[in-house]
PDB file of all heavy atoms in Angstrom:
ATOM      1  N   LEU A   1       0.618  47.154   9.433  1.00  0.00           N
ATOM      2  CA  LEU A   1       1.388  47.621  10.578  1.00  0.00           C
ATOM      3  C   LEU A   1       2.812  47.074  10.573  1.00  0.00           C
ATOM      4  O   LEU A   1       3.655  47.506  11.343  1.00  0.00           O
ATOM      5  CB  LEU A   1       0.693  47.228  11.884  1.00  0.00           C
ATOM      6  CG  LEU A   1      -0.737  47.757  12.062  1.00  0.00           C
ATOM      7  CD1 LEU A   1      -1.327  47.265  13.367  1.00  0.00           C
ATOM      8  CD2 LEU A   1      -0.771  49.279  12.002  1.00  0.00           C
ATOM      9  N   ASP A   2       3.058  46.092   9.731  1.00  0.00           N
ATOM     10  CA  ASP A   2       4.389  45.509   9.569  1.00  0.00           C
ATOM     11  C   ASP A   2       4.539  45.106   8.114  1.00  0.00           C
ATOM     12  O   ASP A   2       3.555  45.073   7.358  1.00  0.00           O
ATOM     13  CB  ASP A   2       4.547  44.281  10.491  1.00  0.00           C
ATOM     14  CG  ASP A   2       6.007  43.933  10.762  1.00  0.00           C
ATOM     15  OD1 ASP A   2       6.898  44.530  10.115  1.00  0.00           O
ATOM     16  OD2 ASP A   2       6.251  43.061  11.614  1.00  0.00           O
ATOM     17  N   ARG A   3       5.765  44.825   7.706  1.00  0.00           N
ATOM     18  CA  ARG A   3       6.018  44.452   6.317  1.00  0.00           C
ATOM     19  C   ARG A   3       6.641  43.066   6.242  1.00  0.00           C
ATOM     20  O   ARG A   3       7.457  42.700   7.085  1.00  0.00           O
ATOM     21  CB  ARG A   3       6.962  45.461   5.657  1.00  0.00           C
ATOM     22  CG  ARG A   3       6.345  46.844   5.475  1.00  0.00           C
ATOM     23  CD  ARG A   3       7.279  47.737   4.688  1.00  0.00           C
ATOM     24  NE  ARG A   3       6.692  49.044   4.448  1.00  0.00           N
ATOM     25  CZ  ARG A   3       7.266  50.000   3.717  1.00  0.00           C
ATOM     26  NH1 ARG A   3       8.462  49.765   3.167  1.00  0.00           N
ATOM     27  NH2 ARG A   3       6.660  51.159   3.534  1.00  0.00           N
ATOM     28  N   PRO A   4       6.261  42.309   5.221  1.00  0.00           N
ATOM     29  CA  PRO A   4       6.893  40.998   5.047  1.00  0.00           C
ATOM     30  C   PRO A   4       8.288  41.149   4.459  1.00  0.00           C
ATOM     31  O   PRO A   4       8.608  42.165   3.833  1.00  0.00           O
ATOM     32  CB  PRO A   4       5.949  40.298   4.071  1.00  0.00           C
ATOM     33  CG  PRO A   4       5.364  41.410   3.252  1.00  0.00           C
ATOM     34  CD  PRO A   4       5.238  42.582   4.205  1.00  0.00           C
ATOM     35  N   ASP A   5       9.116  40.146   4.652  1.00  0.00           N
ATOM     36  CA  ASP A   5      10.422  40.122   3.985  1.00  0.00           C
ATOM     37  C   ASP A   5      10.248  39.917   2.486  1.00  0.00           C
ATOM     38  O   ASP A   5      10.997  40.474   1.675  1.00  0.00           O
ATOM     39  CB  ASP A   5      11.295  39.002   4.550  1.00  0.00           C
ATOM     40  CG  ASP A   5      11.588  39.175   6.023  1.00  0.00           C
ATOM     41  OD1 ASP A   5      11.465  40.314   6.516  1.00  0.00           O
ATOM     42  OD2 ASP A   5      11.932  38.188   6.695  1.00  0.00           O
ATOM     43  N   SER A   6       9.270  39.106   2.122  1.00  0.00           N
ATOM     44  CA  SER A   6       8.980  38.845   0.714  1.00  0.00           C
ATOM     45  C   SER A   6       7.534  38.397   0.604  1.00  0.00           C
ATOM     46  O   SER A   6       6.854  38.149   1.594  1.00  0.00           O
ATOM     47  CB  SER A   6       9.929  37.782   0.150  1.00  0.00           C
ATOM     48  OG  SER A   6       9.807  36.567   0.866  1.00  0.00           O
ATOM     49  N   GLY A   7       7.073  38.266  -0.648  1.00  0.00           N
ATOM     50  CA  GLY A   7       5.681  37.941  -0.872  1.00  0.00           C
ATOM     51  C   GLY A   7       4.852  39.198  -1.009  1.00  0.00           C
ATOM     52  O   GLY A   7       5.352  40.320  -0.843  1.00  0.00           O
ATOM     53  N   GLU A   8       3.572  39.040  -1.290  1.00  0.00           N
ATOM     54  CA  GLU A   8       2.717  40.206  -1.478  1.00  0.00           C
ATOM     55  C   GLU A   8       1.292  39.940  -1.014  1.00  0.00           C
ATOM     56  O   GLU A   8       0.872  38.795  -0.891  1.00  0.00           O
ATOM     57  CB  GLU A   8       2.716  40.648  -2.942  1.00  0.00           C
ATOM     58  CG  GLU A   8       2.223  39.590  -3.919  1.00  0.00           C
ATOM     59  CD  GLU A   8       2.255  40.066  -5.348  1.00  0.00           C
ATOM     60  OE1 GLU A   8       2.233  41.305  -5.573  1.00  0.00           O
ATOM     61  OE2 GLU A   8       2.310  39.223  -6.265  1.00  0.00           O
ATOM     62  N   ILE A   9       0.591  41.043  -0.768  1.00  0.00           N
ATOM     63  CA  ILE A   9      -0.817  40.999  -0.386  1.00  0.00           C
ATOM     64  C   ILE A   9      -1.574  41.815  -1.423  1.00  0.00           C
ATOM     65  O   ILE A   9      -1.314  43.005  -1.596  1.00  0.00           O
ATOM     66  CB  ILE A   9      -1.042  41.552   1.027  1.00  0.00           C
ATOM     67  CG1 ILE A   9      -0.224  40.746   2.035  1.00  0.00           C
ATOM     68  CG2 ILE A   9      -2.516  41.510   1.385  1.00  0.00           C
ATOM     69  CD1 ILE A   9      -0.223  41.328   3.424  1.00  0.00           C
ATOM     70  N   ILE A  10      -2.509  41.181  -2.094  1.00  0.00           N
ATOM     71  CA  ILE A  10      -3.251  41.802  -3.177  1.00  0.00           C
ATOM     72  C   ILE A  10      -4.694  42.058  -2.733  1.00  0.00           C
ATOM     73  O   ILE A  10      -5.310  41.211  -2.087  1.00  0.00           O
ATOM     74  CB  ILE A  10      -3.246  40.886  -4.424  1.00  0.00           C
ATOM     75  CG1 ILE A  10      -1.813  40.581  -4.850  1.00  0.00           C
ATOM     76  CG2 ILE A  10      -4.040  41.504  -5.563  1.00  0.00           C
ATOM     77  CD1 ILE A  10      -1.711  39.473  -5.880  1.00  0.00           C
ATOM     78  N   GLY A  11      -5.216  43.239  -3.070  1.00  0.00           N
ATOM     79  CA  GLY A  11      -6.627  43.518  -2.819  1.00  0.00           C
ATOM     80  C   GLY A  11      -6.899  44.544  -1.747  1.00  0.00           C
ATOM     81  O   GLY A  11      -8.049  44.947  -1.536  1.00  0.00           O
ATOM     82  N   LEU A  12      -5.849  44.971  -1.024  1.00  0.00           N
ATOM     83  CA  LEU A  12      -6.038  45.952   0.043  1.00  0.00           C
ATOM     84  C   LEU A  12      -5.630  47.365  -0.376  1.00  0.00           C
ATOM     85  O   LEU A  12      -5.779  48.298   0.409  1.00  0.00           O
ATOM     86  CB  LEU A  12      -5.233  45.548   1.289  1.00  0.00           C
ATOM     87  CG  LEU A  12      -5.820  44.429   2.140  1.00  0.00           C
ATOM     88  CD1 LEU A  12      -4.849  44.034   3.238  1.00  0.00           C
ATOM     89  CD2 LEU A  12      -7.151  44.836   2.753  1.00  0.00           C
ATOM     90  N   GLU A  13      -5.154  47.508  -1.607  1.00  0.00           N
ATOM     91  CA  GLU A  13      -4.591  48.786  -2.030  1.00  0.00           C
ATOM     92  C   GLU A  13      -5.579  49.944  -1.902  1.00  0.00           C
ATOM     93  O   GLU A  13      -5.201  51.041  -1.475  1.00  0.00           O
ATOM     94  CB  GLU A  13      -4.115  48.698  -3.493  1.00  0.00           C
ATOM     95  CG  GLU A  13      -3.060  47.635  -3.754  1.00  0.00           C
ATOM     96  CD  GLU A  13      -3.654  46.251  -3.990  1.00  0.00           C
ATOM     97  OE1 GLU A  13      -4.891  46.123  -3.972  1.00  0.00           O
ATOM     98  OE2 GLU A  13      -2.874  45.295  -4.187  1.00  0.00           O
ATOM     99  N   ASN A  14      -6.848  49.695  -2.216  1.00  0.00           N
ATOM    100  CA  ASN A  14      -7.832  50.777  -2.267  1.00  0.00           C
ATOM    101  C   ASN A  14      -8.750  50.833  -1.055  1.00  0.00           C
ATOM    102  O   ASN A  14      -9.661  51.677  -1.020  1.00  0.00           O
ATOM    103  CB  ASN A  14      -8.675  50.642  -3.543  1.00  0.00           C
ATOM    104  CG  ASN A  14      -7.826  50.734  -4.801  1.00  0.00           C
ATOM    105  OD1 ASN A  14      -6.907  51.550  -4.890  1.00  0.00           O
ATOM    106  ND2 ASN A  14      -8.136  49.899  -5.783  1.00  0.00           N
ATOM    107  N   ILE A  15      -8.549  49.950  -0.075  1.00  0.00           N
ATOM    108  CA  ILE A  15      -9.461  49.953   1.081  1.00  0.00           C
ATOM    109  C   ILE A  15      -8.709  50.071   2.409  1.00  0.00           C
ATOM    110  O   ILE A  15      -9.243  49.716   3.459  1.00  0.00           O
ATOM    111  CB  ILE A  15     -10.359  48.696   1.094  1.00  0.00           C
ATOM    112  CG1 ILE A  15      -9.513  47.412   1.232  1.00  0.00           C
ATOM    113  CG2 ILE A  15     -11.250  48.636  -0.116  1.00  0.00           C
ATOM    114  CD1 ILE A  15     -10.349  46.183   1.557  1.00  0.00           C
ATOM    115  N   ARG A  16      -7.464  50.576   2.375  1.00  0.00           N
ATOM    116  CA  ARG A  16      -6.701  50.696   3.610  1.00  0.00           C
ATOM    117  C   ARG A  16      -7.437  51.542   4.655  1.00  0.00           C
ATOM    118  O   ARG A  16      -7.351  51.284   5.857  1.00  0.00           O
ATOM    119  CB  ARG A  16      -5.330  51.317   3.328  1.00  0.00           C
ATOM    120  CG  ARG A  16      -4.318  50.357   2.714  1.00  0.00           C
ATOM    121  CD  ARG A  16      -3.920  49.259   3.674  1.00  0.00           C
ATOM    122  NE  ARG A  16      -2.927  48.348   3.109  1.00  0.00           N
ATOM    123  CZ  ARG A  16      -2.569  47.211   3.658  1.00  0.00           C
ATOM    124  NH1 ARG A  16      -3.145  46.817   4.777  1.00  0.00           N
ATOM    125  NH2 ARG A  16      -1.656  46.439   3.091  1.00  0.00           N
ATOM    126  N   SER A  17      -8.152  52.555   4.203  1.00  0.00           N
ATOM    127  CA  SER A  17      -8.881  53.424   5.138  1.00  0.00           C
ATOM    128  C   SER A  17     -10.177  52.782   5.618  1.00  0.00           C
ATOM    129  O   SER A  17     -10.873  53.348   6.460  1.00  0.00           O
ATOM    130  CB  SER A  17      -9.192  54.769   4.475  1.00  0.00           C
ATOM    131  OG  SER A  17     -10.051  54.580   3.356  1.00  0.00           O
ATOM    132  N   GLN A  18     -10.506  51.602   5.091  1.00  0.00           N
ATOM    133  CA  GLN A  18     -11.739  50.917   5.479  1.00  0.00           C
ATOM    134  C   GLN A  18     -11.448  49.576   6.131  1.00  0.00           C
ATOM    135  O   GLN A  18     -12.212  48.627   6.001  1.00  0.00           O
ATOM    136  CB  GLN A  18     -12.631  50.736   4.247  1.00  0.00           C
ATOM    137  CG  GLN A  18     -13.138  52.050   3.676  1.00  0.00           C
ATOM    138  CD  GLN A  18     -13.840  51.846   2.348  1.00  0.00           C
ATOM    139  OE1 GLN A  18     -13.222  51.562   1.331  1.00  0.00           O
ATOM    140  NE2 GLN A  18     -15.150  51.979   2.362  1.00  0.00           N
ATOM    141  N   VAL A  19     -10.300  49.523   6.825  1.00  0.00           N
ATOM    142  CA  VAL A  19      -9.921  48.333   7.575  1.00  0.00           C
ATOM    143  C   VAL A  19     -10.111  48.605   9.068  1.00  0.00           C
ATOM    144  O   VAL A  19      -9.524  49.540   9.614  1.00  0.00           O
ATOM    145  CB  VAL A  19      -8.459  47.933   7.302  1.00  0.00           C
ATOM    146  CG1 VAL A  19      -8.062  46.737   8.163  1.00  0.00           C
ATOM    147  CG2 VAL A  19      -8.248  47.612   5.825  1.00  0.00           C
ATOM    148  N   GLY A  20     -10.953  47.835   9.710  1.00  0.00           N
ATOM    149  CA  GLY A  20     -11.132  47.923  11.157  1.00  0.00           C
ATOM    150  C   GLY A  20     -10.295  46.865  11.846  1.00  0.00           C
ATOM    151  O   GLY A  20     -10.204  45.738  11.368  1.00  0.00           O
ATOM    152  N   TYR A  21      -9.669  47.245  12.974  1.00  0.00           N
ATOM    153  CA  TYR A  21      -8.760  46.321  13.665  1.00  0.00           C
ATOM    154  C   TYR A  21      -9.089  46.349  15.161  1.00  0.00           C
ATOM    155  O   TYR A  21      -9.027  47.401  15.795  1.00  0.00           O
ATOM    156  CB  TYR A  21      -7.315  46.758  13.426  1.00  0.00           C
ATOM    157  CG  TYR A  21      -6.244  45.713  13.734  1.00  0.00           C
ATOM    158  CD1 TYR A  21      -5.026  45.733  13.069  1.00  0.00           C
ATOM    159  CD2 TYR A  21      -6.425  44.727  14.692  1.00  0.00           C
ATOM    160  CE1 TYR A  21      -4.021  44.793  13.327  1.00  0.00           C
ATOM    161  CE2 TYR A  21      -5.447  43.790  14.964  1.00  0.00           C
ATOM    162  CZ  TYR A  21      -4.250  43.829  14.280  1.00  0.00           C
ATOM    163  OH  TYR A  21      -3.278  42.897  14.558  1.00  0.00           O
ATOM    164  N   VAL A  22      -9.421  45.187  15.710  1.00  0.00           N
ATOM    165  CA  VAL A  22      -9.620  45.028  17.154  1.00  0.00           C
ATOM    166  C   VAL A  22      -8.414  44.280  17.686  1.00  0.00           C
ATOM    167  O   VAL A  22      -8.217  43.104  17.384  1.00  0.00           O
ATOM    168  CB  VAL A  22     -10.922  44.279  17.474  1.00  0.00           C
ATOM    169  CG1 VAL A  22     -11.091  44.140  18.993  1.00  0.00           C
ATOM    170  CG2 VAL A  22     -12.119  44.993  16.874  1.00  0.00           C
ATOM    171  N   PHE A  23      -7.592  44.977  18.476  1.00  0.00           N
ATOM    172  CA  PHE A  23      -6.325  44.406  18.944  1.00  0.00           C
ATOM    173  C   PHE A  23      -6.556  43.414  20.081  1.00  0.00           C
ATOM    174  O   PHE A  23      -7.533  43.502  20.830  1.00  0.00           O
ATOM    175  CB  PHE A  23      -5.386  45.515  19.418  1.00  0.00           C
ATOM    176  CG  PHE A  23      -4.917  46.421  18.319  1.00  0.00           C
ATOM    177  CD1 PHE A  23      -5.657  47.529  17.947  1.00  0.00           C
ATOM    178  CD2 PHE A  23      -3.730  46.159  17.643  1.00  0.00           C
ATOM    179  CE1 PHE A  23      -5.232  48.371  16.934  1.00  0.00           C
ATOM    180  CE2 PHE A  23      -3.287  46.987  16.630  1.00  0.00           C
ATOM    181  CZ  PHE A  23      -4.050  48.094  16.267  1.00  0.00           C
ATOM    182  N   GLN A  24      -5.605  42.507  20.224  1.00  0.00           N
ATOM    183  CA  GLN A  24      -5.667  41.534  21.308  1.00  0.00           C
ATOM    184  C   GLN A  24      -5.637  42.234  22.667  1.00  0.00           C
ATOM    185  O   GLN A  24      -6.432  41.929  23.550  1.00  0.00           O
ATOM    186  CB  GLN A  24      -4.499  40.554  21.191  1.00  0.00           C
ATOM    187  CG  GLN A  24      -4.530  39.435  22.211  1.00  0.00           C
ATOM    188  CD  GLN A  24      -3.365  38.476  22.019  1.00  0.00           C
ATOM    189  OE1 GLN A  24      -2.246  38.878  21.770  1.00  0.00           O
ATOM    190  NE2 GLN A  24      -3.636  37.188  22.127  1.00  0.00           N
ATOM    191  N   ASP A  25      -4.719  43.172  22.833  1.00  0.00           N
ATOM    192  CA  ASP A  25      -4.644  43.946  24.071  1.00  0.00           C
ATOM    193  C   ASP A  25      -5.500  45.199  23.893  1.00  0.00           C
ATOM    194  O   ASP A  25      -5.001  46.300  23.703  1.00  0.00           O
ATOM    195  CB  ASP A  25      -3.191  44.318  24.382  1.00  0.00           C
ATOM    196  CG  ASP A  25      -3.018  44.840  25.801  1.00  0.00           C
ATOM    197  OD1 ASP A  25      -4.037  45.076  26.476  1.00  0.00           O
ATOM    198  OD2 ASP A  25      -1.862  45.024  26.229  1.00  0.00           O
ATOM    199  N   TYR A  26      -6.815  45.001  23.937  1.00  0.00           N
ATOM    200  CA  TYR A  26      -7.740  46.068  23.569  1.00  0.00           C
ATOM    201  C   TYR A  26      -7.681  47.258  24.530  1.00  0.00           C
ATOM    202  O   TYR A  26      -7.871  48.397  24.125  1.00  0.00           O
ATOM    203  CB  TYR A  26      -9.165  45.540  23.472  1.00  0.00           C
ATOM    204  CG  TYR A  26      -9.648  44.788  24.701  1.00  0.00           C
ATOM    205  CD1 TYR A  26     -10.260  45.445  25.746  1.00  0.00           C
ATOM    206  CD2 TYR A  26      -9.472  43.408  24.802  1.00  0.00           C
ATOM    207  CE1 TYR A  26     -10.688  44.759  26.866  1.00  0.00           C
ATOM    208  CE2 TYR A  26      -9.898  42.715  25.914  1.00  0.00           C
ATOM    209  CZ  TYR A  26     -10.512  43.385  26.947  1.00  0.00           C
ATOM    210  OH  TYR A  26     -10.921  42.700  28.056  1.00  0.00           O
TER     211      TYR A  26
END
């Protein structure tokens, strides 16, 4: 939902559609 200025996140490339998110302000 946001992007870092630098650095990377590895391992989510193929499962973006399988990420569940429960927000703080539900």
